[in-house]
Amino acid sequence: MARIVRPTWAIRCVQSGCKCLFEVAILENGKQQEVICPNCGEHYVYPAVDDKQD
């Protein structure tokens, strides 16, 4: 049986032909990371930044 080594999030690829669900590590507050879908190679930056400034 697999054991979780670190806390993770799941990201679903939004490409219409892919829709792959893959895990990424949870980062410290304020940090971002670029990840690549293991199925189709699409690039994503997570976590998404909320551009709204009040």
PDB file of N, CA and C in Angstrom:
ATOM      1  N   MET A   1       0.848  -1.181   0.000  1.00  0.00           N
ATOM      2  CA  MET A   1       0.000   0.000   0.000  1.00  0.00           C
ATOM      3  C   MET A   1       0.892   1.241   0.000  1.00  0.00           C
ATOM      4  N   ALA A   2       0.455   2.277  -0.718  1.00  0.00           N
ATOM      5  CA  ALA A   2       1.213   3.524  -0.804  1.00  0.00           C
ATOM      6  C   ALA A   2       1.039   4.337   0.466  1.00  0.00           C
ATOM      7  N   ARG A   3       2.051   5.108   0.784  1.00  0.00           N
ATOM      8  CA  ARG A   3       2.027   5.972   1.962  1.00  0.00           C
ATOM      9  C   ARG A   3       2.279   7.401   1.514  1.00  0.00           C
ATOM     10  N   ILE A   4       1.476   8.348   2.002  1.00  0.00           N
ATOM     11  CA  ILE A   4       1.674   9.759   1.676  1.00  0.00           C
ATOM     12  C   ILE A   4       2.874  10.274   2.457  1.00  0.00           C
ATOM     13  N   VAL A   5       3.852  10.800   1.727  1.00  0.00           N
ATOM     14  CA  VAL A   5       5.081  11.290   2.340  1.00  0.00           C
ATOM     15  C   VAL A   5       4.983  12.761   2.692  1.00  0.00           C
ATOM     16  N   ARG A   6       4.225  13.522   1.909  1.00  0.00           N
ATOM     17  CA  ARG A   6       4.072  14.956   2.151  1.00  0.00           C
ATOM     18  C   ARG A   6       2.632  15.350   1.823  1.00  0.00           C
ATOM     19  N   PRO A   7       2.159  16.437   2.382  1.00  0.00           N
ATOM     20  CA  PRO A   7       0.800  16.897   2.046  1.00  0.00           C
ATOM     21  C   PRO A   7       0.716  17.255   0.562  1.00  0.00           C
ATOM     22  N   THR A   8      -0.394  16.910  -0.072  1.00  0.00           N
ATOM     23  CA  THR A   8      -0.527  17.165  -1.507  1.00  0.00           C
ATOM     24  C   THR A   8      -1.867  17.795  -1.848  1.00  0.00           C
ATOM     25  N   TRP A   9      -1.905  18.419  -3.011  1.00  0.00           N
ATOM     26  CA  TRP A   9      -3.132  18.897  -3.633  1.00  0.00           C
ATOM     27  C   TRP A   9      -3.291  18.109  -4.922  1.00  0.00           C
ATOM     28  N   ALA A  10      -4.462  18.155  -5.487  1.00  0.00           N
ATOM     29  CA  ALA A  10      -4.694  17.539  -6.792  1.00  0.00           C
ATOM     30  C   ALA A  10      -5.064  18.628  -7.790  1.00  0.00           C
ATOM     31  N   ILE A  11      -4.535  18.516  -8.992  1.00  0.00           N
ATOM     32  CA  ILE A  11      -4.835  19.449 -10.075  1.00  0.00           C
ATOM     33  C   ILE A  11      -5.400  18.632 -11.224  1.00  0.00           C
ATOM     34  N   ARG A  12      -6.495  19.114 -11.827  1.00  0.00           N
ATOM     35  CA  ARG A  12      -7.040  18.454 -13.012  1.00  0.00           C
ATOM     36  C   ARG A  12      -6.690  19.289 -14.228  1.00  0.00           C
ATOM     37  N   CYS A  13      -6.105  18.642 -15.216  1.00  0.00           N
ATOM     38  CA  CYS A  13      -5.759  19.304 -16.471  1.00  0.00           C
ATOM     39  C   CYS A  13      -7.042  19.764 -17.150  1.00  0.00           C
ATOM     40  N   VAL A  14      -7.045  20.961 -17.711  1.00  0.00           N
ATOM     41  CA  VAL A  14      -8.252  21.511 -18.331  1.00  0.00           C
ATOM     42  C   VAL A  14      -8.278  21.319 -19.849  1.00  0.00           C
ATOM     43  N   GLN A  15      -7.290  20.658 -20.414  1.00  0.00           N
ATOM     44  CA  GLN A  15      -7.304  20.393 -21.846  1.00  0.00           C
ATOM     45  C   GLN A  15      -8.434  19.424 -22.169  1.00  0.00           C
ATOM     46  N   SER A  16      -9.227  19.717 -23.186  1.00  0.00           N
ATOM     47  CA  SER A  16     -10.434  18.939 -23.481  1.00  0.00           C
ATOM     48  C   SER A  16     -10.149  17.471 -23.763  1.00  0.00           C
ATOM     49  N   GLY A  17      -9.025  17.157 -24.321  1.00  0.00           N
ATOM     50  CA  GLY A  17      -8.711  15.767 -24.626  1.00  0.00           C
ATOM     51  C   GLY A  17      -7.982  15.049 -23.511  1.00  0.00           C
ATOM     52  N   CYS A  18      -7.644  15.738 -22.438  1.00  0.00           N
ATOM     53  CA  CYS A  18      -6.814  15.143 -21.391  1.00  0.00           C
ATOM     54  C   CYS A  18      -7.613  14.885 -20.112  1.00  0.00           C
ATOM     55  N   LYS A  19      -7.888  15.936 -19.340  1.00  0.00           N
ATOM     56  CA  LYS A  19      -8.632  15.861 -18.071  1.00  0.00           C
ATOM     57  C   LYS A  19      -7.931  14.990 -17.026  1.00  0.00           C
ATOM     58  N   CYS A  20      -6.614  14.850 -17.119  1.00  0.00           N
ATOM     59  CA  CYS A  20      -5.835  14.044 -16.175  1.00  0.00           C
ATOM     60  C   CYS A  20      -5.829  14.699 -14.791  1.00  0.00           C
ATOM     61  N   LEU A  21      -5.975  13.911 -13.742  1.00  0.00           N
ATOM     62  CA  LEU A  21      -5.889  14.388 -12.367  1.00  0.00           C
ATOM     63  C   LEU A  21      -4.532  13.963 -11.823  1.00  0.00           C
ATOM     64  N   PHE A  22      -3.724  14.940 -11.359  1.00  0.00           N
ATOM     65  CA  PHE A  22      -2.411  14.598 -10.832  1.00  0.00           C
ATOM     66  C   PHE A  22      -2.132  15.371  -9.557  1.00  0.00           C
ATOM     67  N   GLU A  23      -1.234  14.854  -8.729  1.00  0.00           N
ATOM     68  CA  GLU A  23      -0.936  15.439  -7.428  1.00  0.00           C
ATOM     69  C   GLU A  23       0.267  16.362  -7.495  1.00  0.00           C
ATOM     70  N   VAL A  24       0.218  17.427  -6.683  1.00  0.00           N
ATOM     71  CA  VAL A  24       1.334  18.354  -6.535  1.00  0.00           C
ATOM     72  C   VAL A  24       1.525  18.621  -5.047  1.00  0.00           C
ATOM     73  N   ALA A  25       2.734  18.961  -4.653  1.00  0.00           N
ATOM     74  CA  ALA A  25       3.021  19.229  -3.243  1.00  0.00           C
ATOM     75  C   ALA A  25       2.418  20.559  -2.818  1.00  0.00           C
ATOM     76  N   ILE A  26       1.950  20.629  -1.574  1.00  0.00           N
ATOM     77  CA  ILE A  26       1.451  21.888  -1.022  1.00  0.00           C
ATOM     78  C   ILE A  26       2.658  22.752  -0.672  1.00  0.00           C
ATOM     79  N   LEU A  27       2.648  23.996  -1.135  1.00  0.00           N
ATOM     80  CA  LEU A  27       3.763  24.915  -0.910  1.00  0.00           C
ATOM     81  C   LEU A  27       3.483  25.824   0.276  1.00  0.00           C
ATOM     82  N   GLU A  28       4.549  26.447   0.781  1.00  0.00           N
ATOM     83  CA  GLU A  28       4.407  27.423   1.861  1.00  0.00           C
ATOM     84  C   GLU A  28       3.632  28.632   1.337  1.00  0.00           C
ATOM     85  N   ASN A  29       3.044  29.408   2.234  1.00  0.00           N
ATOM     86  CA  ASN A  29       2.271  30.596   1.851  1.00  0.00           C
ATOM     87  C   ASN A  29       3.117  31.553   1.020  1.00  0.00           C
ATOM     88  N   GLY A  30       2.522  32.064  -0.045  1.00  0.00           N
ATOM     89  CA  GLY A  30       3.186  33.054  -0.879  1.00  0.00           C
ATOM     90  C   GLY A  30       4.067  32.482  -1.965  1.00  0.00           C
ATOM     91  N   LYS A  31       4.276  31.170  -2.005  1.00  0.00           N
ATOM     92  CA  LYS A  31       5.134  30.571  -3.021  1.00  0.00           C
ATOM     93  C   LYS A  31       4.294  29.958  -4.120  1.00  0.00           C
ATOM     94  N   GLN A  32       4.822  29.979  -5.340  1.00  0.00           N
ATOM     95  CA  GLN A  32       4.179  29.367  -6.490  1.00  0.00           C
ATOM     96  C   GLN A  32       5.156  28.430  -7.165  1.00  0.00           C
ATOM     97  N   GLN A  33       4.609  27.498  -7.931  1.00  0.00           N
ATOM     98  CA  GLN A  33       5.456  26.559  -8.654  1.00  0.00           C
ATOM     99  C   GLN A  33       4.810  26.240  -9.995  1.00  0.00           C
ATOM    100  N   GLU A  34       5.640  26.052 -11.021  1.00  0.00           N
ATOM    101  CA  GLU A  34       5.134  25.627 -12.314  1.00  0.00           C
ATOM    102  C   GLU A  34       5.179  24.108 -12.370  1.00  0.00           C
ATOM    103  N   VAL A  35       4.076  23.491 -12.793  1.00  0.00           N
ATOM    104  CA  VAL A  35       4.000  22.038 -12.920  1.00  0.00           C
ATOM    105  C   VAL A  35       3.564  21.689 -14.337  1.00  0.00           C
ATOM    106  N   ILE A  36       3.844  20.465 -14.730  1.00  0.00           N
ATOM    107  CA  ILE A  36       3.516  19.998 -16.070  1.00  0.00           C
ATOM    108  C   ILE A  36       2.638  18.765 -15.955  1.00  0.00           C
ATOM    109  N   CYS A  37       1.548  18.740 -16.705  1.00  0.00           N
ATOM    110  CA  CYS A  37       0.662  17.581 -16.722  1.00  0.00           C
ATOM    111  C   CYS A  37       1.458  16.368 -17.213  1.00  0.00           C
ATOM    112  N   PRO A  38       1.457  15.276 -16.452  1.00  0.00           N
ATOM    113  CA  PRO A  38       2.233  14.101 -16.863  1.00  0.00           C
ATOM    114  C   PRO A  38       1.644  13.394 -18.083  1.00  0.00           C
ATOM    115  N   ASN A  39       0.405  13.701 -18.411  1.00  0.00           N
ATOM    116  CA  ASN A  39      -0.257  13.027 -19.526  1.00  0.00           C
ATOM    117  C   ASN A  39      -0.054  13.750 -20.858  1.00  0.00           C
ATOM    118  N   CYS A  40      -0.271  15.084 -20.866  1.00  0.00           N
ATOM    119  CA  CYS A  40      -0.218  15.817 -22.142  1.00  0.00           C
ATOM    120  C   CYS A  40       0.887  16.874 -22.209  1.00  0.00           C
ATOM    121  N   GLY A  41       1.504  17.224 -21.075  1.00  0.00           N
ATOM    122  CA  GLY A  41       2.601  18.190 -21.087  1.00  0.00           C
ATOM    123  C   GLY A  41       2.180  19.638 -20.934  1.00  0.00           C
ATOM    124  N   GLU A  42       0.895  19.905 -20.650  1.00  0.00           N
ATOM    125  CA  GLU A  42       0.407  21.281 -20.450  1.00  0.00           C
ATOM    126  C   GLU A  42       1.041  21.865 -19.182  1.00  0.00           C
ATOM    127  N   HIS A  43       1.446  23.145 -19.223  1.00  0.00           N
ATOM    128  CA  HIS A  43       2.066  23.810 -18.080  1.00  0.00           C
ATOM    129  C   HIS A  43       1.022  24.543 -17.249  1.00  0.00           C
ATOM    130  N   TYR A  44       1.162  24.474 -15.925  1.00  0.00           N
ATOM    131  CA  TYR A  44       0.281  25.182 -14.989  1.00  0.00           C
ATOM    132  C   TYR A  44       1.130  25.824 -13.904  1.00  0.00           C
ATOM    133  N   VAL A  45       0.685  26.988 -13.414  1.00  0.00           N
ATOM    134  CA  VAL A  45       1.303  27.631 -12.259  1.00  0.00           C
ATOM    135  C   VAL A  45       0.294  27.525 -11.131  1.00  0.00           C
ATOM    136  N   TYR A  46       0.733  27.001 -10.012  1.00  0.00           N
ATOM    137  CA  TYR A  46      -0.172  26.855  -8.874  1.00  0.00           C
ATOM    138  C   TYR A  46       0.535  27.346  -7.624  1.00  0.00           C
ATOM    139  N   PRO A  47      -0.126  27.723  -6.564  1.00  0.00           N
ATOM    140  CA  PRO A  47      -1.561  28.021  -6.597  1.00  0.00           C
ATOM    141  C   PRO A  47      -1.814  29.284  -7.403  1.00  0.00           C
ATOM    142  N   ALA A  48      -3.009  29.368  -7.957  1.00  0.00           N
ATOM    143  CA  ALA A  48      -3.382  30.547  -8.752  1.00  0.00           C
ATOM    144  C   ALA A  48      -3.383  31.777  -7.862  1.00  0.00           C
ATOM    145  N   VAL A  49      -2.957  32.911  -8.413  1.00  0.00           N
ATOM    146  CA  VAL A  49      -2.916  34.159  -7.657  1.00  0.00           C
ATOM    147  C   VAL A  49      -4.190  34.939  -7.915  1.00  0.00           C
ATOM    148  N   ASP A  50      -4.825  35.412  -6.870  1.00  0.00           N
ATOM    149  CA  ASP A  50      -6.011  36.253  -7.001  1.00  0.00           C
ATOM    150  C   ASP A  50      -5.532  37.677  -7.268  1.00  0.00           C
ATOM    151  N   ASP A  51      -5.781  38.181  -8.464  1.00  0.00           N
ATOM    152  CA  ASP A  51      -5.308  39.503  -8.872  1.00  0.00           C
ATOM    153  C   ASP A  51      -6.118  40.645  -8.296  1.00  0.00           C
ATOM    154  N   LYS A  52      -7.220  40.359  -7.631  1.00  0.00           N
ATOM    155  CA  LYS A  52      -8.075  41.408  -7.080  1.00  0.00           C
ATOM    156  C   LYS A  52      -7.448  41.993  -5.813  1.00  0.00           C
ATOM    157  N   GLN A  53      -7.230  43.291  -5.826  1.00  0.00           N
ATOM    158  CA  GLN A  53      -6.670  43.997  -4.666  1.00  0.00           C
ATOM    159  C   GLN A  53      -7.727  44.951  -4.133  1.00  0.00           C
ATOM    160  N   ASP A  54      -8.153  44.788  -2.893  1.00  0.00           N
ATOM    161  CA  ASP A  54      -9.178  45.677  -2.324  1.00  0.00           C
ATOM    162  C   ASP A  54      -8.547  46.903  -1.724  1.00  0.00           C
TER     163      ASP A  54
END
